[in-house]
Amino acid sequence: SSRLRRSPRVKRGLAAALLLAAPLGARTWRVAPRGADFPMIAPAVAAAAPGDTIRVSPGIYREDLSIAKTVAIRGEGMPVLMGTGAGTVIDVAAPGCEIRGLAIEESGTGLGGSMDAGIHLGSDRNVVAGNRLRRVFYGVVSEGADNRIEGNSIEGFSAEPFGRRGDGVYFYRSPRGLVADNAIRGMRDAIYLQYAPAALVCRNTVSDSRYGLHDMFTDGAQFVDNVFTGCSVGANVMNCRKVEIRGNRFLRNRGVASAGLSFKECDDSRVEENEFSDDARAVQIEGSSRNRFAENRFAFNDTAVQLFASAEENVFTGNVFDGNLTPVVISGGSSSTRWSEKGRGNWWSGYRGIDFDGRGTGREPQPVASAFSRIEGNNPAARLFLASPAAAALDFAASSVDPGEDGSVDRAPLVRRPKEGRGRRRLAGSGVVAVAFAGVLAARRRSGR
């Protein structure tokens, strides 16, 4: 797990090549409007044997495809596969297929509750890479299998309201899947994981969707080095355990109930080295316990952290809170969340404490929630008076008394701002290490995990 976390792209790259290696005697079929084996893609699929490759020349191909044998379809010069608009454009039932380099357009619109998609994967070990999907209800759907979705550009019916859009990438009961290096915009949920344990979502750029990432019942997932911007909620993570959220950027996610990251009923997870900037609420935590928030940057958000009393035993350490209108709002009573770990708290803009013993922490504790933010936590409408003289007077009066229990106090605030730039570490490297990952995959399948 730790090796995978450090270099997921490395370890999956060569593994895919091994899994997709063509058997001896495999044939390459050519598709082009003229002068090739076939003028359309579907007849080439019908003629191909398992392990064959179909190369598609530039052109426009108006057809839907159903793939029931292991083949690779590779576009040259981004040929356009224009669906009939009556369902899914490419339906893959065979394992180990490759769909690469196609411009896929015009799926059905989901009328009658159907899951019309640009690509539907009902089998495992498939690779969908380097495609451009436009005007599709769902982009790529993976059901019951581990598949790689990498380097695609996906845009749905962005002019429609969220309720009439599908999801960009949807994994349902698909363990150990990879969603990497995709650009997704204008969807309902750009990336939606449901019962997809140990999924890896990395280096995606997501914008202008309802949820940039929606994750439910997906234990052990990793979300690394993604950018979520301009969504109602950047990432909505629910009912999960042992999730890692690292090196992501949550930018300008705004609306009445918007958040950069919403954590609900999530336990034993790590949120580290992320940037939260210009969000309505950077992080909202509800019903979640024993999570660690470390080395994150919260800058110029309306509210940096909204913490409900049902969020217990979480810890914040080494974070930067810079220029937020309200650093912390605590709703519903006291909290058992701790704001320091092993004598190391967080850096707060405006803190004026002095480090008398050279340990890098101030002697005076830092109240994380002001007196007015406590009122705001239980009465959201009070935010209208955030900049009023009454709010300032209330906070000034509260500053002269003991700040209270540890749930609302940083006992070891940092006097020097932590060095930044450690987040967003790139996941890269050579493909040699991937042989080890191929062995890990094979062992997992043999053991049934």
Protein backbone atom coordinates (compact mmCIF):
# COMPACT_ATOMS: atom_id res chain seq x y z
CA SER A 1 0.00 0.00 0.00
CA SER A 2 2.81 2.43 0.83
CA ARG A 3 4.65 1.60 -2.42
CA LEU A 4 1.47 2.17 -4.41
CA ARG A 5 0.92 5.48 -2.67
CA ARG A 6 4.34 6.74 -3.60
CA SER A 7 4.27 5.95 -7.31
CA PRO A 8 0.90 4.68 -8.58
CA ARG A 9 1.44 5.69 -12.18
CA VAL A 10 4.80 3.94 -12.28
CA LYS A 11 3.44 0.68 -10.97
CA ARG A 12 0.36 0.61 -13.16
CA GLY A 13 2.06 1.66 -16.39
CA LEU A 14 4.03 -1.46 -17.23
CA ALA A 15 1.37 -3.66 -15.63
CA ALA A 16 -1.09 -2.44 -18.25
CA ALA A 17 1.42 -3.17 -20.99
CA LEU A 18 1.87 -6.70 -19.70
CA LEU A 19 -1.85 -7.29 -19.44
CA LEU A 20 -2.50 -5.90 -22.91
CA ALA A 21 0.43 -7.53 -24.65
CA ALA A 22 -0.77 -9.07 -27.90
CA PRO A 23 -0.55 -12.89 -28.22
CA LEU A 24 1.55 -14.48 -30.95
CA GLY A 25 -0.22 -14.39 -34.28
CA ALA A 26 -2.40 -11.38 -33.38
CA ARG A 27 -3.50 -9.34 -36.35
CA THR A 28 -3.93 -5.60 -36.89
CA TRP A 29 -7.04 -4.48 -38.77
CA ARG A 30 -7.30 -1.06 -40.36
CA VAL A 31 -10.45 1.07 -40.52
CA ALA A 32 -10.72 4.13 -42.79
CA PRO A 33 -13.39 5.76 -44.96
CA ARG A 34 -11.66 4.22 -47.99
CA GLY A 35 -8.70 2.00 -48.86
CA ALA A 36 -8.66 -0.06 -45.64
CA ASP A 37 -9.89 -3.42 -44.38
CA PHE A 38 -13.22 -1.90 -43.30
CA PRO A 39 -14.96 1.47 -43.69
CA MET A 40 -16.61 1.15 -40.25
CA ILE A 41 -15.42 0.02 -36.83
CA ALA A 42 -18.17 -2.49 -35.96
CA PRO A 43 -17.37 -4.89 -38.87
CA ALA A 44 -13.71 -4.83 -37.83
CA VAL A 45 -14.70 -5.80 -34.28
CA ALA A 46 -16.80 -8.65 -35.67
CA ALA A 47 -13.91 -9.93 -37.81
CA ALA A 48 -11.22 -9.59 -35.15
CA ALA A 49 -10.01 -12.50 -33.04
CA PRO A 50 -9.19 -12.11 -29.33
CA GLY A 51 -5.92 -10.22 -29.00
CA ASP A 52 -6.21 -8.37 -32.31
CA THR A 53 -5.74 -4.61 -32.71
CA ILE A 54 -8.04 -2.30 -34.68
CA ARG A 55 -6.45 0.93 -35.90
CA VAL A 56 -8.90 3.66 -36.86
CA SER A 57 -7.86 6.41 -39.28
CA PRO A 58 -9.17 9.99 -39.11
CA GLY A 59 -12.78 10.39 -40.12
CA ILE A 60 -16.30 10.38 -38.72
CA TYR A 61 -17.87 7.01 -37.87
CA ARG A 62 -21.56 7.02 -37.01
CA GLU A 63 -22.17 3.82 -35.03
CA ASP A 64 -22.45 2.23 -31.59
CA LEU A 65 -20.07 -0.59 -30.67
CA SER A 66 -20.57 -3.74 -28.64
CA ILE A 67 -17.31 -5.50 -27.75
CA ALA A 68 -17.48 -9.11 -26.54
CA LYS A 69 -13.89 -10.16 -27.26
CA THR A 70 -10.52 -8.88 -26.04
CA VAL A 71 -9.37 -6.32 -28.60
CA ALA A 72 -7.56 -2.99 -28.69
CA ILE A 73 -9.16 -0.09 -30.58
CA ARG A 74 -6.67 2.70 -31.22
CA GLY A 75 -7.49 5.92 -32.99
CA GLU A 76 -4.93 7.70 -35.13
CA GLY A 77 -5.39 11.46 -35.40
CA MET A 78 -8.42 11.46 -33.09
CA PRO A 79 -11.14 9.95 -35.34
CA VAL A 80 -14.70 10.81 -34.31
CA LEU A 81 -16.97 7.99 -33.15
CA MET A 82 -20.41 9.54 -33.29
CA GLY A 83 -22.97 7.49 -31.39
CA THR A 84 -26.52 7.05 -32.59
CA GLY A 85 -27.80 8.98 -29.56
CA ALA A 86 -29.95 6.05 -28.47
CA GLY A 87 -27.86 4.50 -25.68
CA THR A 88 -24.22 3.76 -24.89
CA VAL A 89 -21.66 4.41 -27.61
CA ILE A 90 -19.11 1.69 -26.67
CA ASP A 91 -20.27 -1.24 -24.52
CA VAL A 92 -17.36 -3.45 -23.41
CA ALA A 93 -18.18 -6.93 -22.07
CA ALA A 94 -14.80 -8.63 -22.60
CA PRO A 95 -11.84 -8.21 -20.20
CA GLY A 96 -8.48 -6.73 -21.09
CA CYS A 97 -9.65 -4.36 -23.83
CA GLU A 98 -8.10 -1.04 -24.75
CA ILE A 99 -9.99 2.03 -26.02
CA ARG A 100 -7.56 4.80 -26.95
CA GLY A 101 -7.38 7.95 -29.03
CA LEU A 102 -11.04 8.36 -30.03
CA ALA A 103 -13.31 11.41 -29.99
CA ILE A 104 -16.55 9.91 -28.67
CA GLU A 105 -19.78 11.89 -28.93
CA GLU A 106 -23.56 11.66 -28.70
CA SER A 107 -24.62 9.03 -26.20
CA GLY A 108 -28.25 8.79 -25.18
CA THR A 109 -29.55 11.29 -22.65
CA GLY A 110 -30.60 8.92 -19.88
CA LEU A 111 -34.31 9.00 -20.61
CA GLY A 112 -36.24 6.46 -18.54
CA GLY A 113 -33.40 6.17 -16.03
CA SER A 114 -30.99 4.40 -18.40
CA MET A 115 -27.26 4.78 -17.76
CA ASP A 116 -26.30 5.92 -21.26
CA ALA A 117 -22.55 6.43 -21.48
CA GLY A 118 -19.73 7.21 -23.82
CA ILE A 119 -18.05 3.98 -22.64
CA HIS A 120 -19.51 1.28 -20.40
CA LEU A 121 -17.16 -1.32 -18.92
CA GLY A 122 -18.78 -4.47 -17.59
CA SER A 123 -15.50 -6.39 -17.35
CA ASP A 124 -12.09 -5.92 -15.76
CA ARG A 125 -8.50 -5.06 -16.73
CA ASN A 126 -9.60 -2.62 -19.41
CA VAL A 127 -7.76 0.59 -20.28
CA VAL A 128 -9.59 3.73 -21.44
CA ALA A 129 -6.93 6.31 -22.24
CA GLY A 130 -6.36 9.43 -24.30
CA ASN A 131 -9.93 9.82 -25.50
CA ARG A 132 -12.06 12.95 -25.84
CA LEU A 133 -15.70 12.51 -24.79
CA ARG A 134 -18.24 15.23 -25.53
CA ARG A 135 -22.03 15.45 -25.23
CA VAL A 136 -22.29 12.22 -23.29
CA PHE A 137 -24.70 11.56 -20.41
CA TYR A 138 -22.19 9.47 -18.42
CA GLY A 139 -18.59 9.59 -19.53
CA VAL A 140 -17.09 6.24 -18.49
CA VAL A 141 -18.94 3.71 -16.33
CA SER A 142 -17.11 0.80 -14.68
CA GLU A 143 -19.22 -1.86 -13.00
CA GLY A 144 -17.89 -4.73 -10.90
CA ALA A 145 -14.31 -4.57 -12.12
CA ASP A 146 -10.92 -2.90 -11.74
CA ASN A 147 -10.18 -0.71 -14.76
CA ARG A 148 -7.86 2.16 -15.74
CA ILE A 149 -9.37 5.48 -16.83
CA GLU A 150 -6.43 7.70 -17.73
CA GLY A 151 -5.68 10.84 -19.69
CA ASN A 152 -9.17 11.46 -21.05
CA SER A 153 -11.08 14.71 -21.56
CA ILE A 154 -14.75 14.42 -20.57
CA GLU A 155 -17.55 16.96 -20.87
CA GLY A 156 -21.24 16.19 -20.62
CA PHE A 157 -24.41 18.17 -21.14
CA SER A 158 -23.06 21.18 -19.29
CA ALA A 159 -25.92 23.44 -20.39
CA GLU A 160 -28.43 21.22 -18.55
CA PRO A 161 -29.21 21.45 -14.81
CA PHE A 162 -27.35 18.97 -12.59
CA GLY A 163 -30.37 16.65 -12.37
CA ARG A 164 -30.24 16.05 -16.13
CA ARG A 165 -26.54 15.27 -16.29
CA GLY A 166 -24.72 12.03 -15.61
CA ASP A 167 -21.32 11.47 -14.00
CA GLY A 168 -17.94 11.86 -15.68
CA VAL A 169 -16.35 8.67 -14.34
CA TYR A 170 -18.55 6.31 -12.32
CA PHE A 171 -17.07 3.29 -10.51
CA TYR A 172 -19.69 0.96 -9.01
CA ARG A 173 -18.48 -2.08 -7.07
CA SER A 174 -15.17 -1.67 -8.84
CA PRO A 175 -12.25 -2.30 -6.47
CA ARG A 176 -8.68 -1.17 -7.10
CA GLY A 177 -9.56 1.05 -10.07
CA LEU A 178 -7.43 3.92 -11.34
CA VAL A 179 -8.72 7.36 -12.40
CA ALA A 180 -5.72 9.46 -13.40
CA ASP A 181 -4.78 12.54 -15.45
CA ASN A 182 -8.29 13.22 -16.73
CA ALA A 183 -9.84 16.65 -17.38
CA ILE A 184 -13.56 16.57 -16.48
CA ARG A 185 -16.05 19.41 -16.50
CA GLY A 186 -19.74 20.13 -16.74
CA MET A 187 -20.97 16.88 -15.17
CA ARG A 188 -23.25 16.07 -12.23
CA ASP A 189 -20.50 14.31 -10.26
CA ALA A 190 -17.22 14.51 -12.14
CA ILE A 191 -15.86 11.39 -10.41
CA TYR A 192 -18.23 9.13 -8.48
CA LEU A 193 -16.99 6.12 -6.51
CA GLN A 194 -19.51 3.79 -4.90
CA TYR A 195 -18.31 0.60 -3.23
CA ALA A 196 -14.93 0.92 -4.95
CA PRO A 197 -12.38 -0.01 -2.22
CA ALA A 198 -8.71 0.83 -2.71
CA ALA A 199 -9.42 3.08 -5.70
CA LEU A 200 -6.72 5.54 -6.70
CA VAL A 201 -7.78 8.97 -8.04
CA CYS A 202 -4.79 11.12 -8.95
CA ARG A 203 -3.76 14.15 -11.01
CA ASN A 204 -7.24 14.88 -12.37
CA THR A 205 -8.47 18.41 -13.11
CA VAL A 206 -12.17 18.81 -12.32
CA SER A 207 -14.39 21.87 -12.68
CA ASP A 208 -17.93 23.20 -13.04
CA SER A 209 -19.74 20.16 -11.68
CA ARG A 210 -22.04 19.53 -8.73
CA TYR A 211 -19.46 17.40 -6.87
CA GLY A 212 -15.93 17.27 -8.20
CA LEU A 213 -15.53 13.96 -6.39
CA HIS A 214 -18.31 11.96 -4.76
CA ASP A 215 -17.16 8.98 -2.71
CA MET A 216 -19.44 6.61 -0.80
CA PHE A 217 -18.62 3.33 0.97
CA THR A 218 -15.12 3.23 -0.49
CA ASP A 219 -12.60 2.24 2.18
CA GLY A 220 -8.88 2.61 1.60
CA ALA A 221 -9.17 4.99 -1.35
CA GLN A 222 -6.45 7.50 -2.22
CA PHE A 223 -7.11 10.95 -3.68
CA VAL A 224 -3.79 12.52 -4.62
CA ASP A 225 -2.71 15.65 -6.55
CA ASN A 226 -6.10 16.52 -8.03
CA VAL A 227 -7.54 20.00 -8.66
CA PHE A 228 -11.19 20.66 -7.80
CA THR A 229 -12.43 24.08 -8.80
CA GLY A 230 -15.71 25.89 -9.37
CA CYS A 231 -17.93 23.08 -8.04
CA SER A 232 -20.76 23.16 -5.53
CA VAL A 233 -18.61 20.78 -3.45
CA GLY A 234 -15.04 19.98 -4.42
CA ALA A 235 -15.04 16.54 -2.82
CA ASN A 236 -17.90 14.94 -0.89
CA VAL A 237 -16.57 11.92 1.01
CA MET A 238 -19.12 9.85 2.93
CA ASN A 239 -19.28 6.59 4.88
CA CYS A 240 -15.64 5.64 4.39
CA ARG A 241 -12.66 4.51 6.47
CA LYS A 242 -8.91 4.88 6.01
CA VAL A 243 -9.07 7.31 3.10
CA GLU A 244 -6.01 9.33 2.12
CA ILE A 245 -6.51 12.83 0.69
CA ARG A 246 -3.13 14.35 -0.12
CA GLY A 247 -1.65 17.11 -2.26
CA ASN A 248 -4.95 18.26 -3.77
CA ARG A 249 -6.09 21.82 -4.52
CA PHE A 250 -9.62 22.93 -3.65
CA LEU A 251 -10.21 26.32 -5.28
CA ARG A 252 -13.24 28.61 -5.53
CA ASN A 253 -15.88 26.03 -4.66
CA ARG A 254 -18.75 28.33 -3.80
CA GLY A 255 -22.49 28.38 -3.20
CA VAL A 256 -25.02 28.55 -0.36
CA ALA A 257 -24.02 25.15 1.06
CA SER A 258 -20.68 24.72 -0.72
CA ALA A 259 -17.44 23.28 0.62
CA GLY A 260 -14.03 22.40 -0.69
CA LEU A 261 -14.07 19.09 1.18
CA SER A 262 -17.09 17.66 2.97
CA PHE A 263 -16.39 14.79 5.36
CA LYS A 264 -19.42 12.89 6.67
CA GLU A 265 -19.31 9.61 8.59
CA CYS A 266 -15.65 9.09 7.70
CA ASP A 267 -13.18 7.68 10.19
CA ASP A 268 -9.45 6.96 10.55
CA SER A 269 -8.43 8.95 7.48
CA ARG A 270 -5.62 11.36 6.62
CA VAL A 271 -6.00 14.77 4.97
CA GLU A 272 -2.51 16.13 4.34
CA GLU A 273 -0.65 18.74 2.27
CA ASN A 274 -3.75 20.07 0.51
CA GLU A 275 -4.52 23.66 -0.46
CA PHE A 276 -7.94 25.15 0.29
CA SER A 277 -8.33 28.61 -1.17
CA ASP A 278 -11.29 30.94 -1.76
CA ASP A 279 -13.90 28.29 -0.84
CA ALA A 280 -17.16 29.08 0.92
CA ARG A 281 -16.22 26.46 3.53
CA ALA A 282 -12.84 24.86 3.07
CA VAL A 283 -13.57 21.75 5.16
CA GLN A 284 -16.83 20.62 6.72
CA ILE A 285 -16.66 17.70 9.15
CA GLU A 286 -19.72 15.88 10.47
CA GLY A 287 -20.05 12.54 12.25
CA SER A 288 -16.41 11.72 11.53
CA SER A 289 -13.82 10.53 14.04
CA ARG A 290 -10.08 9.96 14.46
CA ASN A 291 -9.09 11.75 11.26
CA ARG A 292 -5.79 13.61 10.95
CA PHE A 293 -5.53 16.97 9.17
CA ALA A 294 -1.88 17.94 8.77
CA GLU A 295 0.23 20.37 6.73
CA ASN A 296 -2.74 21.81 4.84
CA ARG A 297 -3.07 25.44 3.78
CA PHE A 298 -6.37 27.23 4.43
CA ALA A 299 -6.21 30.64 2.79
CA PHE A 300 -8.82 33.34 2.19
CA ASN A 301 -11.87 31.13 2.63
CA ASP A 302 -15.13 32.40 4.09
CA THR A 303 -14.86 29.66 6.73
CA ALA A 304 -11.77 27.47 6.96
CA VAL A 305 -13.23 24.64 9.06
CA GLN A 306 -16.84 24.00 9.98
CA LEU A 307 -16.86 21.42 12.72
CA PHE A 308 -19.98 19.72 14.05
CA ALA A 309 -20.09 18.38 17.59
CA SER A 310 -20.58 14.89 16.12
CA ALA A 311 -17.02 15.07 14.79
CA GLU A 312 -14.93 13.51 17.55
CA GLU A 313 -11.27 12.89 18.27
CA ASN A 314 -9.95 14.45 15.09
CA VAL A 315 -6.59 16.22 15.18
CA PHE A 316 -5.22 19.28 13.37
CA THR A 317 -1.47 19.87 13.34
CA GLY A 318 0.98 21.85 11.22
CA ASN A 319 -1.74 23.55 9.17
CA VAL A 320 -1.63 27.17 7.96
CA PHE A 321 -4.73 29.32 8.58
CA ASP A 322 -4.16 32.50 6.61
CA GLY A 323 -6.63 35.35 6.02
CA ASN A 324 -9.86 33.39 6.42
CA LEU A 325 -12.93 35.44 7.35
CA THR A 326 -13.74 32.84 10.02
CA PRO A 327 -11.04 30.28 10.84
CA VAL A 328 -13.27 27.78 12.67
CA VAL A 329 -16.99 27.44 13.28
CA ILE A 330 -18.13 24.86 15.85
CA SER A 331 -21.78 23.84 15.51
CA GLY A 332 -23.89 22.02 18.05
CA GLY A 333 -21.82 22.28 21.22
CA SER A 334 -18.30 21.38 22.32
CA SER A 335 -15.96 19.18 20.34
CA SER A 336 -13.32 16.63 21.29
CA THR A 337 -11.19 17.57 18.27
CA ARG A 338 -7.59 18.47 19.19
CA TRP A 339 -5.70 21.36 17.61
CA SER A 340 -2.18 20.17 18.34
CA GLU A 341 -0.30 16.88 18.30
CA LYS A 342 2.82 16.08 20.31
CA GLY A 343 3.26 19.73 21.21
CA ARG A 344 2.86 21.03 17.65
CA GLY A 345 -0.18 23.10 16.77
CA ASN A 346 -1.02 25.22 13.74
CA TRP A 347 -0.05 28.61 12.31
CA TRP A 348 -2.74 31.30 12.58
CA SER A 349 -2.54 34.65 10.84
CA GLY A 350 -2.95 37.34 13.49
CA TYR A 351 -1.44 35.30 16.34
CA ARG A 352 0.86 37.50 18.40
CA GLY A 353 2.22 35.04 20.94
CA ILE A 354 5.92 34.81 21.79
CA ASP A 355 8.17 31.75 21.71
CA PHE A 356 10.04 32.02 25.00
CA ASP A 357 11.78 28.63 24.97
CA GLY A 358 12.78 28.35 21.29
CA ARG A 359 10.51 25.40 20.52
CA GLY A 360 8.65 27.21 17.77
CA THR A 361 5.36 27.43 19.62
CA GLY A 362 3.81 30.35 21.47
CA ARG A 363 3.19 30.34 25.21
CA GLU A 364 -0.28 31.83 24.88
CA PRO A 365 -2.96 29.48 23.52
CA GLN A 366 -4.88 30.41 20.38
CA PRO A 367 -8.69 30.24 20.52
CA VAL A 368 -9.66 28.58 17.26
CA ALA A 369 -13.31 29.61 17.41
CA SER A 370 -14.21 33.17 18.36
CA ALA A 371 -17.13 33.97 20.61
CA PHE A 372 -19.08 35.22 17.61
CA SER A 373 -18.31 32.12 15.51
CA ARG A 374 -19.91 30.03 18.27
CA ILE A 375 -23.09 32.01 17.85
CA GLU A 376 -22.76 31.61 14.09
CA GLY A 377 -22.31 27.84 14.47
CA ASN A 378 -25.73 27.47 16.01
CA ASN A 379 -27.41 30.31 14.10
CA PRO A 380 -26.03 30.53 10.53
CA ALA A 381 -28.05 33.68 9.83
CA ALA A 382 -25.87 35.50 12.38
CA ARG A 383 -23.10 35.59 9.75
CA LEU A 384 -24.78 38.68 8.36
CA PHE A 385 -23.34 40.52 11.40
CA LEU A 386 -19.81 39.08 11.07
CA ALA A 387 -18.21 42.48 10.42
CA SER A 388 -20.45 44.44 12.79
CA PRO A 389 -19.19 46.42 15.82
CA ALA A 390 -21.22 44.12 18.06
CA ALA A 391 -19.34 41.05 16.83
CA ALA A 392 -15.99 42.79 17.35
CA ALA A 393 -16.98 43.86 20.88
CA LEU A 394 -18.07 40.33 21.75
CA ASP A 395 -14.78 38.82 20.58
CA PHE A 396 -12.77 41.49 22.39
CA ALA A 397 -14.57 40.77 25.64
CA ALA A 398 -14.05 37.02 25.21
CA SER A 399 -10.30 37.50 24.68
CA SER A 400 -9.87 38.60 28.30
CA VAL A 401 -11.01 35.26 29.75
CA ASP A 402 -9.68 31.71 29.60
CA PRO A 403 -10.25 30.33 26.10
CA GLY A 404 -11.88 27.18 27.40
CA GLU A 405 -11.65 23.50 26.59
CA ASP A 406 -9.11 21.96 24.21
CA GLY A 407 -11.79 21.38 21.56
CA SER A 408 -11.73 25.09 20.77
CA VAL A 409 -8.13 25.97 21.63
CA ASP A 410 -4.76 25.44 19.99
CA ARG A 411 -2.46 24.98 23.01
CA ALA A 412 0.73 25.00 20.93
CA PRO A 413 0.27 27.55 18.11
CA LEU A 414 3.20 27.91 15.74
CA VAL A 415 4.98 31.24 15.76
CA ARG A 416 6.76 30.62 12.45
CA ARG A 417 4.83 29.82 9.33
CA PRO A 418 5.64 26.27 8.12
CA LYS A 419 7.48 25.99 4.85
CA GLU A 420 5.11 25.39 1.96
CA GLY A 421 5.61 23.53 -1.27
CA ARG A 422 5.79 20.04 0.19
CA GLY A 423 2.32 19.25 -1.16
CA ARG A 424 1.44 18.35 -4.74
CA ARG A 425 4.36 16.00 -5.09
CA ARG A 426 4.26 14.49 -8.53
CA LEU A 427 3.63 10.78 -8.87
CA ALA A 428 6.11 9.80 -11.53
CA GLY A 429 9.00 7.52 -12.30
CA SER A 430 10.18 4.84 -14.69
CA GLY A 431 8.08 1.88 -15.73
CA VAL A 432 10.55 -0.68 -14.44
CA VAL A 433 9.00 -0.80 -10.98
CA ALA A 434 5.64 -1.67 -12.53
CA VAL A 435 6.59 -5.33 -12.78
CA ALA A 436 6.21 -5.54 -9.00
CA PHE A 437 2.76 -4.01 -9.22
CA ALA A 438 1.69 -6.58 -11.81
CA GLY A 439 2.65 -9.26 -9.30
CA VAL A 440 0.62 -7.51 -6.59
CA LEU A 441 -2.46 -7.47 -8.86
CA ALA A 442 -2.07 -11.14 -9.68
CA ALA A 443 -1.69 -12.05 -6.00
CA ARG A 444 -4.81 -10.04 -5.10
CA ARG A 445 -6.87 -11.84 -7.72
CA ARG A 446 -5.65 -15.28 -6.64
CA SER A 447 -6.50 -14.54 -3.02
CA GLY A 448 -9.89 -13.08 -3.96
CA ARG A 449 -9.17 -9.75 -2.25
